[in-house]
Amino acid sequence: MNNPKVSILIANYNNSKFIEECINSLRNQTYKNIEIIFFDDFSKDNSIDIIKKFTEVKVIQNTKKTEIGSFNQINAYEEAFKVSGGEIIFFLDSDDYFHEDKIEEIVKYFNYNKEAKIVFNYPLIKNNEKITTVKKKKKIFNKLWPFIYSQSCISIKRENFKHLLEATNTKSYPDIWFDFRIIIYSKYILKELYILEKNLTYYRQVDGNISSQFKYLSNRWWKRRLQAHEYLKNFLNIRSIKYKNNLDYFITKIYNLFIK
């Protein structure tokens, strides 16, 4: 692999105020053998006007979308992948951005770990101007599902991307986003979790984005948690992989009986 071409697939919807920072973080990468593919999901703001200023970026404009954000996001990455040519695929939400040496570090990691198919890196959580460094230990992999890395922290070899989509792109479980589906695929199908233990991705948290809609221990958080259990149970059952309800499942199930 050594110096492979890299494709960065960007999913965007109404994130015009963050696009320039996102794209400039890619233009300033120390690794240069890259292509940038920007999928705009029928934005209502001026996202298209901004992205077209960057002539090196390949732009896809979607004119038809569903009402389900998680499915739209998966579709964005799938459609962007179809016109990509890189050996390594990077996912990036348009309100996030990369550390300047992220791509170089990830390529080095893939070159050193030849058997790795998917690589995760640690995020830097950005909330307004405050940046929090996140680190998770590998032992959490032993739980029912491991720490969920944002898709902007995930990269995958090209030959594995199609199989990932086939295994995870079920048109159900609307609150189960692509990042969770990828971590389940990695744990139970690939049976691997390769983590580059460096903080290389700026993951933005602001009021109004998806993560803010699922505040910890809120009713919506509990509803999504039950859906995550049901997704995992179905994912394993159709592959004849043994699944056993744990205490977390029963607590989540009971709580959901008392909320609307």
Protein backbone atom coordinates (compact mmCIF):
# COMPACT_ATOMS: atom_id res chain seq x y z
CA MET A 1 0.00 0.00 0.00
CA ASN A 2 2.73 2.50 1.04
CA ASN A 3 1.45 5.73 -0.57
CA PRO A 4 -2.17 4.91 -1.45
CA LYS A 5 -4.75 7.28 -2.83
CA VAL A 6 -7.17 8.31 -0.09
CA SER A 7 -10.82 9.32 -0.53
CA ILE A 8 -12.51 11.56 2.05
CA LEU A 9 -16.29 11.24 1.84
CA ILE A 10 -18.10 14.22 3.37
CA ALA A 11 -21.77 14.17 4.33
CA ASN A 12 -23.39 17.61 4.56
CA TYR A 13 -26.79 19.01 5.43
CA ASN A 14 -27.22 22.68 6.30
CA ASN A 15 -23.72 23.04 7.75
CA SER A 16 -22.63 26.01 5.68
CA LYS A 17 -20.97 27.80 8.62
CA PHE A 18 -18.59 24.89 9.20
CA ILE A 19 -17.73 23.89 5.61
CA GLU A 20 -14.69 26.10 5.13
CA GLU A 21 -13.02 24.87 8.31
CA CYS A 22 -13.80 21.29 7.31
CA ILE A 23 -12.38 21.59 3.77
CA ASN A 24 -9.36 23.67 4.80
CA SER A 25 -8.41 20.97 7.31
CA LEU A 26 -8.13 18.60 4.35
CA ARG A 27 -6.29 21.03 2.09
CA ASN A 28 -3.72 21.50 4.86
CA GLN A 29 -3.05 17.80 5.39
CA THR A 30 0.57 16.70 5.44
CA TYR A 31 -0.49 13.74 3.27
CA LYS A 32 -1.31 14.94 -0.25
CA ASN A 33 -2.50 11.92 -2.28
CA ILE A 34 -6.15 12.57 -1.53
CA GLU A 35 -9.48 13.27 -3.20
CA ILE A 36 -12.39 15.06 -1.53
CA ILE A 37 -15.98 14.10 -2.34
CA PHE A 38 -18.71 16.28 -0.87
CA PHE A 39 -22.28 14.98 -0.77
CA ASP A 40 -24.86 17.67 -0.08
CA ASP A 41 -28.18 16.26 1.08
CA PHE A 42 -30.53 18.90 -0.37
CA SER A 43 -29.41 21.67 2.01
CA LYS A 44 -31.63 24.72 2.46
CA ASP A 45 -28.77 27.06 3.40
CA ASN A 46 -25.92 28.31 1.20
CA SER A 47 -23.80 25.15 1.53
CA ILE A 48 -23.57 24.67 -2.24
CA ASP A 49 -22.40 28.25 -2.84
CA ILE A 50 -19.62 27.76 -0.32
CA ILE A 51 -18.43 24.33 -1.40
CA LYS A 52 -18.25 25.34 -5.07
CA LYS A 53 -15.53 27.82 -4.17
CA PHE A 54 -13.25 24.82 -3.66
CA THR A 55 -12.64 23.74 -7.24
CA GLU A 56 -10.67 20.62 -6.27
CA VAL A 57 -13.69 19.15 -4.44
CA LYS A 58 -16.02 16.80 -6.29
CA VAL A 59 -19.60 17.81 -5.37
CA ILE A 60 -22.70 15.61 -5.45
CA GLN A 61 -26.04 17.39 -5.00
CA ASN A 62 -28.87 15.22 -3.77
CA THR A 63 -32.37 16.37 -4.71
CA LYS A 64 -34.37 13.64 -3.01
CA LYS A 65 -34.12 12.49 0.60
CA THR A 66 -36.10 10.67 3.25
CA GLU A 67 -37.31 12.08 6.57
CA ILE A 68 -34.91 9.81 8.45
CA GLY A 69 -31.53 11.40 9.11
CA SER A 70 -29.62 8.18 9.82
CA PHE A 71 -30.65 6.64 6.49
CA ASN A 72 -29.83 9.86 4.66
CA GLN A 73 -26.35 9.86 6.16
CA ILE A 74 -25.67 6.27 5.12
CA ASN A 75 -26.94 7.06 1.63
CA ALA A 76 -24.62 10.08 1.44
CA TYR A 77 -21.56 7.97 2.13
CA GLU A 78 -22.73 5.21 -0.20
CA GLU A 79 -23.30 7.60 -3.13
CA ALA A 80 -20.01 9.41 -2.52
CA PHE A 81 -18.19 6.08 -2.44
CA LYS A 82 -19.51 5.20 -5.92
CA VAL A 83 -17.51 8.03 -7.49
CA SER A 84 -14.42 7.59 -5.31
CA GLY A 85 -11.20 5.87 -6.25
CA GLY A 86 -9.16 5.71 -3.06
CA GLU A 87 -7.72 2.57 -1.50
CA ILE A 88 -8.58 3.95 1.94
CA ILE A 89 -11.93 5.60 2.67
CA PHE A 90 -12.31 8.30 5.33
CA PHE A 91 -15.74 9.36 6.60
CA LEU A 92 -16.27 12.97 7.62
CA ASP A 93 -19.35 14.90 8.71
CA SER A 94 -19.13 18.47 7.46
CA ASP A 95 -19.29 20.03 10.93
CA ASP A 96 -16.19 18.06 11.97
CA TYR A 97 -12.62 18.43 10.74
CA PHE A 98 -9.25 16.66 10.78
CA HIS A 99 -5.98 17.35 12.55
CA GLU A 100 -3.42 18.31 9.90
CA ASP A 101 -1.52 15.01 10.11
CA LYS A 102 -4.50 12.69 10.56
CA ILE A 103 -4.43 11.13 7.09
CA GLU A 104 -0.67 10.59 7.20
CA GLU A 105 -0.96 8.90 10.60
CA ILE A 106 -3.83 6.66 9.48
CA VAL A 107 -2.03 5.60 6.29
CA LYS A 108 1.07 4.74 8.34
CA TYR A 109 -1.10 2.70 10.69
CA PHE A 110 -2.65 0.73 7.83
CA ASN A 111 0.80 0.14 6.33
CA TYR A 112 2.13 -1.18 9.63
CA ASN A 113 -0.98 -3.24 10.49
CA LYS A 114 -1.53 -5.05 7.19
CA GLU A 115 -4.42 -7.13 8.53
CA ALA A 116 -6.45 -4.10 9.70
CA LYS A 117 -9.63 -3.46 7.71
CA ILE A 118 -11.12 -0.62 9.76
CA VAL A 119 -9.18 1.85 11.93
CA PHE A 120 -10.61 4.08 14.64
CA ASN A 121 -8.90 7.11 16.15
CA TYR A 122 -9.67 9.15 19.25
CA PRO A 123 -11.68 12.38 18.94
CA LEU A 124 -11.12 15.87 20.22
CA ILE A 125 -14.58 17.05 21.26
CA LYS A 126 -15.13 20.68 20.36
CA ASN A 127 -17.92 22.55 22.13
CA ASN A 128 -17.78 26.21 21.10
CA GLU A 129 -14.13 27.07 21.77
CA LYS A 130 -13.61 24.41 24.44
CA ILE A 131 -11.76 21.30 23.30
CA THR A 132 -11.85 18.09 25.35
CA THR A 133 -9.39 15.26 24.74
CA VAL A 134 -11.03 11.82 24.76
CA LYS A 135 -9.33 8.50 25.37
CA LYS A 136 -10.90 5.07 25.77
CA LYS A 137 -9.16 1.86 26.73
CA LYS A 138 -9.36 -1.25 24.57
CA LYS A 139 -10.77 -3.38 27.40
CA ILE A 140 -14.16 -1.76 26.83
CA PHE A 141 -14.30 -3.93 23.69
CA ASN A 142 -15.31 -6.82 25.96
CA LYS A 143 -18.69 -5.23 26.64
CA LEU A 144 -21.85 -5.92 24.62
CA TRP A 145 -20.90 -3.01 22.41
CA PRO A 146 -17.71 -0.94 22.70
CA PHE A 147 -17.22 2.79 22.85
CA ILE A 148 -18.96 4.34 19.85
CA TYR A 149 -16.54 6.32 17.71
CA SER A 150 -18.08 9.02 15.53
CA GLN A 151 -17.93 8.11 11.85
CA SER A 152 -15.56 11.07 11.40
CA CYS A 153 -13.10 9.01 13.49
CA ILE A 154 -13.38 5.95 11.22
CA SER A 155 -11.47 4.91 8.11
CA ILE A 156 -11.84 1.68 6.12
CA LYS A 157 -10.12 -0.15 3.31
CA ARG A 158 -11.96 0.13 0.01
CA GLU A 159 -12.50 -3.60 -0.46
CA ASN A 160 -14.31 -3.82 2.90
CA PHE A 161 -16.69 -0.90 2.38
CA LYS A 162 -19.20 -2.73 0.19
CA HIS A 163 -19.42 -5.62 2.62
CA LEU A 164 -19.93 -3.17 5.48
CA LEU A 165 -22.90 -1.61 3.66
CA GLU A 166 -24.43 -4.97 2.85
CA ALA A 167 -24.15 -6.04 6.47
CA THR A 168 -25.46 -2.85 8.09
CA ASN A 169 -27.72 -0.96 5.70
CA THR A 170 -31.04 -2.36 6.88
CA LYS A 171 -33.91 0.08 6.37
CA SER A 172 -35.05 -0.09 9.97
CA TYR A 173 -33.91 1.18 13.37
CA PRO A 174 -33.97 4.88 12.41
CA ASP A 175 -32.13 6.09 15.53
CA ILE A 176 -29.20 3.77 14.93
CA TRP A 177 -26.64 5.83 13.06
CA PHE A 178 -23.76 4.69 10.89
CA ASP A 179 -21.11 4.87 13.63
CA PHE A 180 -22.95 2.33 15.83
CA ARG A 181 -23.53 0.02 12.87
CA ILE A 182 -19.82 0.13 12.01
CA ILE A 183 -18.67 -0.70 15.55
CA ILE A 184 -21.07 -3.67 15.71
CA TYR A 185 -19.84 -4.88 12.31
CA SER A 186 -16.24 -4.55 13.45
CA LYS A 187 -16.79 -6.37 16.74
CA TYR A 188 -19.00 -9.24 15.61
CA ILE A 189 -18.14 -9.76 11.93
CA LEU A 190 -14.51 -8.69 11.57
CA LYS A 191 -13.83 -9.58 15.23
CA GLU A 192 -11.27 -6.81 15.42
CA LEU A 193 -10.97 -3.32 16.82
CA TYR A 194 -7.89 -1.46 15.61
CA ILE A 195 -7.46 1.85 17.42
CA LEU A 196 -4.83 4.43 16.62
CA GLU A 197 -4.50 5.93 20.08
CA LYS A 198 -4.09 9.52 18.93
CA ASN A 199 -6.60 12.38 18.95
CA LEU A 200 -6.82 13.24 15.27
CA THR A 201 -10.44 14.24 14.66
CA TYR A 202 -12.23 17.36 15.87
CA TYR A 203 -15.78 16.25 16.66
CA ARG A 204 -18.11 19.18 17.07
CA GLN A 205 -20.91 19.24 19.64
CA VAL A 206 -23.33 22.15 19.34
CA ASP A 207 -26.95 22.71 20.22
CA GLY A 208 -29.11 21.44 17.40
CA ASN A 209 -26.84 18.72 16.05
CA ILE A 210 -27.72 15.04 16.30
CA SER A 211 -25.80 14.24 19.48
CA SER A 212 -27.53 17.07 21.34
CA GLN A 213 -30.90 15.40 20.70
CA PHE A 214 -29.93 12.40 22.82
CA LYS A 215 -28.83 13.92 26.08
CA TYR A 216 -27.57 11.37 28.58
CA LEU A 217 -30.43 9.65 30.46
CA SER A 218 -33.12 11.69 28.67
CA ASN A 219 -36.22 9.83 27.46
CA ARG A 220 -34.95 9.94 23.89
CA TRP A 221 -31.60 8.56 25.04
CA TRP A 222 -33.39 5.60 26.66
CA LYS A 223 -35.49 5.01 23.54
CA ARG A 224 -32.41 4.94 21.34
CA ARG A 225 -30.66 2.61 23.77
CA LEU A 226 -33.51 0.11 23.49
CA GLN A 227 -33.35 0.40 19.71
CA ALA A 228 -29.60 -0.29 19.90
CA HIS A 229 -30.27 -3.48 21.84
CA GLU A 230 -32.92 -4.55 19.32
CA TYR A 231 -30.62 -3.75 16.38
CA LEU A 232 -27.81 -5.81 17.90
CA LYS A 233 -30.15 -8.69 18.70
CA ASN A 234 -31.47 -8.78 15.14
CA PHE A 235 -27.96 -8.35 13.67
CA LEU A 236 -26.71 -11.39 15.58
CA ASN A 237 -29.79 -13.57 15.18
CA ILE A 238 -29.83 -13.40 11.38
CA ARG A 239 -26.20 -14.56 11.45
CA SER A 240 -26.87 -17.34 13.99
CA ILE A 241 -24.57 -15.66 16.49
CA LYS A 242 -25.55 -16.30 20.09
CA TYR A 243 -27.16 -13.34 21.82
CA LYS A 244 -28.12 -13.07 25.48
CA ASN A 245 -30.10 -10.24 27.05
CA ASN A 246 -28.07 -8.63 29.80
CA LEU A 247 -28.97 -6.46 32.80
CA ASP A 248 -28.62 -3.30 30.73
CA TYR A 249 -31.23 -4.60 28.30
CA PHE A 250 -33.76 -5.39 31.04
CA ILE A 251 -33.28 -2.00 32.73
CA THR A 252 -33.67 -0.26 29.37
CA LYS A 253 -36.73 -2.31 28.48
CA ILE A 254 -38.44 -1.59 31.81
CA TYR A 255 -37.68 2.13 31.65
CA ASN A 256 -39.18 2.34 28.17
CA LEU A 257 -42.44 0.90 29.46
CA PHE A 258 -42.95 4.05 31.53
CA ILE A 259 -42.08 6.71 28.95
CA LYS A 260 -43.97 7.90 25.91
